[in-house]
Amino acid sequence: FDTAPAYAASEAWLGRFLGQLDDERRRTLVVMTKAGEHWDVERGTSCVDHDRDALCRSIDRSLERLGRIDVLQIHKATRDVVRDPGVMAALDHASRCGIATFGASVADVSSGVAALETGAYQALQFPLNIANPALARLLEALRAARGTAIVNRPFAMGGLVTSAADAGAQARAAFRFIRDEVERGVVLTGTGKAAHLAANLEAF
């Protein structure tokens, strides 16, 4: 499960679900969240803040909501952000809180490479699909670092699944592209509908 403070009430909803599980079932799940982009309730929008104190407060709130975080990612990470001393200090805080795996959510190759070069990040989240294969160049760097790709937007925000009649075949083609490109990774198919999630799982 991939969530973030920037996704409005997503963390709270997921936390309530996780709180209903017994320890054995919870151990079978991987929960990922982020820090660096925050939800402004009054304005109903998100805002980016990579200040050390803001990141530490965000991490503490996420732990309160989720109970345990398996992977913490820096949201809206840029080349400068992933190496920033305040960000690195926040990762140290997260490590002291029991979080063992870190990632960076990036939008370009240079930011992803810079993150891996620090040695602090074991995963990169980025968009990758047939229509937008540019960030596939990160996969070689991830292989060298023995890191994990967290692929988002596999359907190009719905652009690759355009026909209800052919939706299954189109989804399978989108997943096949990622399977052929990604050696070690996770695919995120964000959706707000249970039926779409079931169809995605079947196609996968």
C-alpha atoms as a PDB file:
ATOM      1  CA  PHE A   1       0.000   0.000   0.000  1.00  0.00           C
ATOM      2  CA  ASP A   2       1.423   3.352  -1.063  1.00  0.00           C
ATOM      3  CA  THR A   3       0.080   6.446   0.645  1.00  0.00           C
ATOM      4  CA  ALA A   4       1.236   9.933   1.643  1.00  0.00           C
ATOM      5  CA  PRO A   5       0.216  12.900   3.810  1.00  0.00           C
ATOM      6  CA  ALA A   6      -0.330  14.807   0.556  1.00  0.00           C
ATOM      7  CA  TYR A   7      -3.183  12.456  -0.405  1.00  0.00           C
ATOM      8  CA  ALA A   8      -5.704  14.189   1.879  1.00  0.00           C
ATOM      9  CA  ALA A   9      -7.153  11.620   4.336  1.00  0.00           C
ATOM     10  CA  SER A  10      -5.477   8.599   2.716  1.00  0.00           C
ATOM     11  CA  GLU A  11      -3.112   7.880   5.609  1.00  0.00           C
ATOM     12  CA  ALA A  12      -5.917   8.120   8.164  1.00  0.00           C
ATOM     13  CA  TRP A  13      -8.152   5.756   6.168  1.00  0.00           C
ATOM     14  CA  LEU A  14      -5.357   3.246   5.670  1.00  0.00           C
ATOM     15  CA  GLY A  15      -4.372   3.513   9.322  1.00  0.00           C
ATOM     16  CA  ARG A  16      -7.908   2.663  10.437  1.00  0.00           C
ATOM     17  CA  PHE A  17      -7.881  -0.404   8.171  1.00  0.00           C
ATOM     18  CA  LEU A  18      -4.467  -1.534   9.423  1.00  0.00           C
ATOM     19  CA  GLY A  19      -5.589  -1.075  13.017  1.00  0.00           C
ATOM     20  CA  GLN A  20      -8.244  -3.754  12.493  1.00  0.00           C
ATOM     21  CA  LEU A  21      -5.698  -6.398  11.463  1.00  0.00           C
ATOM     22  CA  ASP A  22      -3.989  -8.867  13.748  1.00  0.00           C
ATOM     23  CA  ASP A  23      -0.194  -8.803  13.917  1.00  0.00           C
ATOM     24  CA  GLU A  24       0.227 -11.852  11.693  1.00  0.00           C
ATOM     25  CA  ARG A  25      -1.827 -10.354   8.866  1.00  0.00           C
ATOM     26  CA  ARG A  26      -0.148  -6.948   9.215  1.00  0.00           C
ATOM     27  CA  ARG A  27       3.259  -8.569   8.778  1.00  0.00           C
ATOM     28  CA  THR A  28       2.222  -9.815   5.326  1.00  0.00           C
ATOM     29  CA  LEU A  29       1.644  -6.246   4.087  1.00  0.00           C
ATOM     30  CA  VAL A  30       4.138  -3.626   2.946  1.00  0.00           C
ATOM     31  CA  VAL A  31       3.074  -0.070   3.782  1.00  0.00           C
ATOM     32  CA  MET A  32       4.856   2.832   2.111  1.00  0.00           C
ATOM     33  CA  THR A  33       4.309   6.502   2.803  1.00  0.00           C
ATOM     34  CA  LYS A  34       6.112   9.740   2.087  1.00  0.00           C
ATOM     35  CA  ALA A  35       7.290  12.978   3.660  1.00  0.00           C
ATOM     36  CA  GLY A  36       7.945  16.326   2.048  1.00  0.00           C
ATOM     37  CA  GLU A  37       4.529  17.199   0.660  1.00  0.00           C
ATOM     38  CA  HIS A  38       1.792  18.017   3.129  1.00  0.00           C
ATOM     39  CA  TRP A  39      -1.970  18.417   2.975  1.00  0.00           C
ATOM     40  CA  ASP A  40      -3.391  21.838   3.851  1.00  0.00           C
ATOM     41  CA  VAL A  41      -6.857  21.080   5.231  1.00  0.00           C
ATOM     42  CA  GLU A  42      -8.025  24.698   5.196  1.00  0.00           C
ATOM     43  CA  ARG A  43      -7.087  25.283   1.571  1.00  0.00           C
ATOM     44  CA  GLY A  44      -7.862  21.755   0.411  1.00  0.00           C
ATOM     45  CA  THR A  45      -4.556  21.425  -1.396  1.00  0.00           C
ATOM     46  CA  SER A  46      -1.031  20.166  -0.845  1.00  0.00           C
ATOM     47  CA  CYS A  47       2.162  22.121  -0.245  1.00  0.00           C
ATOM     48  CA  VAL A  48       5.812  21.091  -0.427  1.00  0.00           C
ATOM     49  CA  ASP A  49       8.135  21.562   2.561  1.00  0.00           C
ATOM     50  CA  HIS A  50      11.454  19.724   2.847  1.00  0.00           C
ATOM     51  CA  ASP A  51      12.608  21.553   5.986  1.00  0.00           C
ATOM     52  CA  ARG A  52      14.067  19.131   8.541  1.00  0.00           C
ATOM     53  CA  ASP A  53      11.572  19.968  11.297  1.00  0.00           C
ATOM     54  CA  ALA A  54       8.605  19.754   8.925  1.00  0.00           C
ATOM     55  CA  LEU A  55       9.800  16.355   7.698  1.00  0.00           C
ATOM     56  CA  CYS A  56      10.275  15.051  11.245  1.00  0.00           C
ATOM     57  CA  ARG A  57       6.800  16.216  12.267  1.00  0.00           C
ATOM     58  CA  SER A  58       5.364  14.558   9.166  1.00  0.00           C
ATOM     59  CA  ILE A  59       7.145  11.292   9.925  1.00  0.00           C
ATOM     60  CA  ASP A  60       5.872  11.319  13.523  1.00  0.00           C
ATOM     61  CA  ARG A  61       2.285  11.955  12.370  1.00  0.00           C
ATOM     62  CA  SER A  62       2.513   9.187   9.787  1.00  0.00           C
ATOM     63  CA  LEU A  63       3.740   6.736  12.415  1.00  0.00           C
ATOM     64  CA  GLU A  64       0.826   7.694  14.663  1.00  0.00           C
ATOM     65  CA  ARG A  65      -1.638   7.048  11.843  1.00  0.00           C
ATOM     66  CA  LEU A  66      -0.099   3.920  10.347  1.00  0.00           C
ATOM     67  CA  GLY A  67       1.504   2.251  13.351  1.00  0.00           C
ATOM     68  CA  ARG A  68       4.488   1.055  11.352  1.00  0.00           C
ATOM     69  CA  ILE A  69       6.098   2.260   8.125  1.00  0.00           C
ATOM     70  CA  ASP A  70       7.935  -0.278   5.988  1.00  0.00           C
ATOM     71  CA  VAL A  71       9.207   2.177   3.346  1.00  0.00           C
ATOM     72  CA  LEU A  72       9.498   5.951   3.782  1.00  0.00           C
ATOM     73  CA  GLN A  73       9.954   8.021   0.632  1.00  0.00           C
ATOM     74  CA  ILE A  74      10.868  11.655   0.164  1.00  0.00           C
ATOM     75  CA  HIS A  75       8.039  13.205  -1.834  1.00  0.00           C
ATOM     76  CA  LYS A  76       8.703  15.569  -4.768  1.00  0.00           C
ATOM     77  CA  ALA A  77      12.417  14.793  -4.475  1.00  0.00           C
ATOM     78  CA  THR A  78      14.819  16.772  -6.644  1.00  0.00           C
ATOM     79  CA  ARG A  79      18.560  16.438  -7.152  1.00  0.00           C
ATOM     80  CA  ASP A  80      19.198  19.040  -4.444  1.00  0.00           C
ATOM     81  CA  VAL A  81      16.538  17.746  -2.052  1.00  0.00           C
ATOM     82  CA  VAL A  82      17.807  14.149  -1.882  1.00  0.00           C
ATOM     83  CA  ARG A  83      21.250  15.385  -0.756  1.00  0.00           C
ATOM     84  CA  ASP A  84      20.087  18.200   1.518  1.00  0.00           C
ATOM     85  CA  PRO A  85      21.570  17.936   5.052  1.00  0.00           C
ATOM     86  CA  GLY A  86      18.167  18.634   6.616  1.00  0.00           C
ATOM     87  CA  VAL A  87      16.578  15.838   4.610  1.00  0.00           C
ATOM     88  CA  MET A  88      19.376  13.463   5.577  1.00  0.00           C
ATOM     89  CA  ALA A  89      18.875  14.424   9.238  1.00  0.00           C
ATOM     90  CA  ALA A  90      15.164  13.653   8.889  1.00  0.00           C
ATOM     91  CA  LEU A  91      16.040  10.202   7.487  1.00  0.00           C
ATOM     92  CA  ASP A  92      18.225   9.660  10.561  1.00  0.00           C
ATOM     93  CA  HIS A  93      15.231  10.575  12.729  1.00  0.00           C
ATOM     94  CA  ALA A  94      13.078   8.090  10.813  1.00  0.00           C
ATOM     95  CA  SER A  95      15.720   5.397  11.260  1.00  0.00           C
ATOM     96  CA  ARG A  96      15.734   5.987  15.013  1.00  0.00           C
ATOM     97  CA  CYS A  97      11.945   5.571  14.911  1.00  0.00           C
ATOM     98  CA  GLY A  98      12.366   2.084  13.448  1.00  0.00           C
ATOM     99  CA  ILE A  99      11.984   2.774   9.726  1.00  0.00           C
ATOM    100  CA  ALA A 100      14.569   0.730   7.837  1.00  0.00           C
ATOM    101  CA  THR A 101      13.970   1.351   4.131  1.00  0.00           C
ATOM    102  CA  PHE A 102      13.999   4.689   2.323  1.00  0.00           C
ATOM    103  CA  GLY A 103      13.093   5.842  -1.141  1.00  0.00           C
ATOM    104  CA  ALA A 104      12.752   8.978  -3.219  1.00  0.00           C
ATOM    105  CA  SER A 105       9.802   9.853  -5.423  1.00  0.00           C
ATOM    106  CA  VAL A 106      11.401  11.484  -8.465  1.00  0.00           C
ATOM    107  CA  ALA A 107      10.339  12.932 -11.798  1.00  0.00           C
ATOM    108  CA  ASP A 108      13.659  12.924 -13.656  1.00  0.00           C
ATOM    109  CA  VAL A 109      16.719  10.740 -14.132  1.00  0.00           C
ATOM    110  CA  SER A 110      19.273  13.073 -12.527  1.00  0.00           C
ATOM    111  CA  SER A 111      17.316  13.247  -9.257  1.00  0.00           C
ATOM    112  CA  GLY A 112      17.034   9.474  -9.086  1.00  0.00           C
ATOM    113  CA  VAL A 113      20.727   8.952  -9.784  1.00  0.00           C
ATOM    114  CA  ALA A 114      21.654  11.576  -7.184  1.00  0.00           C
ATOM    115  CA  ALA A 115      19.502   9.806  -4.592  1.00  0.00           C
ATOM    116  CA  LEU A 116      21.154   6.450  -5.226  1.00  0.00           C
ATOM    117  CA  GLU A 117      24.615   8.016  -5.115  1.00  0.00           C
ATOM    118  CA  THR A 118      24.034   9.102  -1.506  1.00  0.00           C
ATOM    119  CA  GLY A 119      23.647   5.473  -0.430  1.00  0.00           C
ATOM    120  CA  ALA A 120      20.721   6.496   1.794  1.00  0.00           C
ATOM    121  CA  TYR A 121      17.906   5.420  -0.547  1.00  0.00           C
ATOM    122  CA  GLN A 122      17.102   1.833  -1.459  1.00  0.00           C
ATOM    123  CA  ALA A 123      14.135   2.563  -3.739  1.00  0.00           C
ATOM    124  CA  LEU A 124      12.978   5.055  -6.342  1.00  0.00           C
ATOM    125  CA  GLN A 125       9.378   5.811  -7.253  1.00  0.00           C
ATOM    126  CA  PHE A 126       8.815   7.210 -10.747  1.00  0.00           C
ATOM    127  CA  PRO A 127       6.387   7.051 -13.676  1.00  0.00           C
ATOM    128  CA  LEU A 128       7.079   4.426 -16.327  1.00  0.00           C
ATOM    129  CA  ASN A 129       4.820   3.256 -19.129  1.00  0.00           C
ATOM    130  CA  ILE A 130       4.723   2.605 -22.861  1.00  0.00           C
ATOM    131  CA  ALA A 131       3.773   6.200 -23.583  1.00  0.00           C
ATOM    132  CA  ASN A 132       6.465   7.636 -21.296  1.00  0.00           C
ATOM    133  CA  PRO A 133       9.502   5.315 -21.152  1.00  0.00           C
ATOM    134  CA  ALA A 134      12.080   8.086 -20.534  1.00  0.00           C
ATOM    135  CA  LEU A 135      12.748   7.205 -16.895  1.00  0.00           C
ATOM    136  CA  ALA A 136      13.591   3.606 -17.807  1.00  0.00           C
ATOM    137  CA  ARG A 137      17.165   4.913 -17.767  1.00  0.00           C
ATOM    138  CA  LEU A 138      16.916   4.767 -13.960  1.00  0.00           C
ATOM    139  CA  LEU A 139      16.616   0.994 -14.066  1.00  0.00           C
ATOM    140  CA  GLU A 140      20.296   0.467 -14.831  1.00  0.00           C
ATOM    141  CA  ALA A 141      21.266   2.627 -11.851  1.00  0.00           C
ATOM    142  CA  LEU A 142      18.825   0.700  -9.656  1.00  0.00           C
ATOM    143  CA  ARG A 143      20.287  -2.621 -10.792  1.00  0.00           C
ATOM    144  CA  ALA A 144      23.799  -1.422  -9.967  1.00  0.00           C
ATOM    145  CA  ALA A 145      22.640  -0.278  -6.524  1.00  0.00           C
ATOM    146  CA  ARG A 146      20.512  -3.416  -5.986  1.00  0.00           C
ATOM    147  CA  GLY A 147      17.602  -1.078  -5.434  1.00  0.00           C
ATOM    148  CA  THR A 148      13.891  -1.412  -6.023  1.00  0.00           C
ATOM    149  CA  ALA A 149      11.827   0.377  -8.654  1.00  0.00           C
ATOM    150  CA  ILE A 150       8.412   1.603  -7.506  1.00  0.00           C
ATOM    151  CA  VAL A 151       6.607   2.220 -10.781  1.00  0.00           C
ATOM    152  CA  ASN A 152       3.641   4.568 -10.803  1.00  0.00           C
ATOM    153  CA  ARG A 153       1.305   5.605 -13.620  1.00  0.00           C
ATOM    154  CA  PRO A 154       1.628   2.274 -15.466  1.00  0.00           C
ATOM    155  CA  PHE A 155      -1.444   3.180 -17.552  1.00  0.00           C
ATOM    156  CA  ALA A 156      -0.344   6.794 -18.168  1.00  0.00           C
ATOM    157  CA  MET A 157      -3.166   8.150 -15.967  1.00  0.00           C
ATOM    158  CA  GLY A 158      -5.691   6.057 -17.909  1.00  0.00           C
ATOM    159  CA  GLY A 159      -4.388   7.092 -21.298  1.00  0.00           C
ATOM    160  CA  LEU A 160      -3.349   3.529 -22.183  1.00  0.00           C
ATOM    161  CA  VAL A 161      -6.697   1.974 -21.256  1.00  0.00           C
ATOM    162  CA  THR A 162      -9.066   3.820 -23.533  1.00  0.00           C
ATOM    163  CA  SER A 163     -11.601   1.229 -24.633  1.00  0.00           C
ATOM    164  CA  ALA A 164     -13.955  -0.654 -22.334  1.00  0.00           C
ATOM    165  CA  ALA A 165     -14.104  -3.507 -24.842  1.00  0.00           C
ATOM    166  CA  ASP A 166     -10.305  -3.866 -24.991  1.00  0.00           C
ATOM    167  CA  ALA A 167      -9.468  -2.716 -21.451  1.00  0.00           C
ATOM    168  CA  GLY A 168      -8.144  -6.109 -20.350  1.00  0.00           C
ATOM    169  CA  ALA A 169      -5.849  -6.487 -23.352  1.00  0.00           C
ATOM    170  CA  GLN A 170      -4.647  -2.892 -23.057  1.00  0.00           C
ATOM    171  CA  ALA A 171      -3.882  -3.339 -19.344  1.00  0.00           C
ATOM    172  CA  ARG A 172      -2.033  -6.592 -20.006  1.00  0.00           C
ATOM    173  CA  ALA A 173       0.077  -4.877 -22.667  1.00  0.00           C
ATOM    174  CA  ALA A 174       0.907  -2.065 -20.236  1.00  0.00           C
ATOM    175  CA  PHE A 175       1.955  -4.534 -17.544  1.00  0.00           C
ATOM    176  CA  ARG A 176       3.936  -6.617 -20.058  1.00  0.00           C
ATOM    177  CA  PHE A 177       6.011  -3.561 -20.973  1.00  0.00           C
ATOM    178  CA  ILE A 178       6.900  -3.012 -17.306  1.00  0.00           C
ATOM    179  CA  ARG A 179       7.613  -6.711 -16.727  1.00  0.00           C
ATOM    180  CA  ASP A 180      10.044  -6.724 -19.642  1.00  0.00           C
ATOM    181  CA  GLU A 181      11.806  -3.558 -18.424  1.00  0.00           C
ATOM    182  CA  VAL A 182      11.871  -3.925 -14.632  1.00  0.00           C
ATOM    183  CA  GLU A 183      14.025  -6.596 -13.011  1.00  0.00           C
ATOM    184  CA  ARG A 184      13.100  -5.839  -9.388  1.00  0.00           C
ATOM    185  CA  GLY A 185      10.158  -3.662  -8.511  1.00  0.00           C
ATOM    186  CA  VAL A 186       6.634  -2.831  -7.499  1.00  0.00           C
ATOM    187  CA  VAL A 187       3.830  -1.570  -9.736  1.00  0.00           C
ATOM    188  CA  LEU A 188       1.306   0.911  -8.310  1.00  0.00           C
ATOM    189  CA  THR A 189      -2.082   1.118  -9.994  1.00  0.00           C
ATOM    190  CA  GLY A 190      -3.879   3.940  -8.242  1.00  0.00           C
ATOM    191  CA  THR A 191      -7.656   3.844  -8.456  1.00  0.00           C
ATOM    192  CA  GLY A 192     -10.717   5.010  -6.606  1.00  0.00           C
ATOM    193  CA  LYS A 193     -12.914   2.097  -7.671  1.00  0.00           C
ATOM    194  CA  ALA A 194     -12.849  -1.461  -6.350  1.00  0.00           C
ATOM    195  CA  ALA A 195     -13.939  -2.826  -9.731  1.00  0.00           C
ATOM    196  CA  HIS A 196     -10.963  -1.181 -11.426  1.00  0.00           C
ATOM    197  CA  LEU A 197      -8.607  -2.603  -8.804  1.00  0.00           C
ATOM    198  CA  ALA A 198     -10.002  -6.113  -9.385  1.00  0.00           C
ATOM    199  CA  ALA A 199      -9.612  -5.705 -13.147  1.00  0.00           C
ATOM    200  CA  ASN A 200      -6.042  -4.459 -12.720  1.00  0.00           C
ATOM    201  CA  LEU A 201      -5.179  -7.433 -10.554  1.00  0.00           C
ATOM    202  CA  GLU A 202      -6.620  -9.848 -13.101  1.00  0.00           C
ATOM    203  CA  ALA A 203      -4.680  -8.190 -15.930  1.00  0.00           C
ATOM    204  CA  PHE A 204      -1.490  -8.272 -13.853  1.00  0.00           C
END
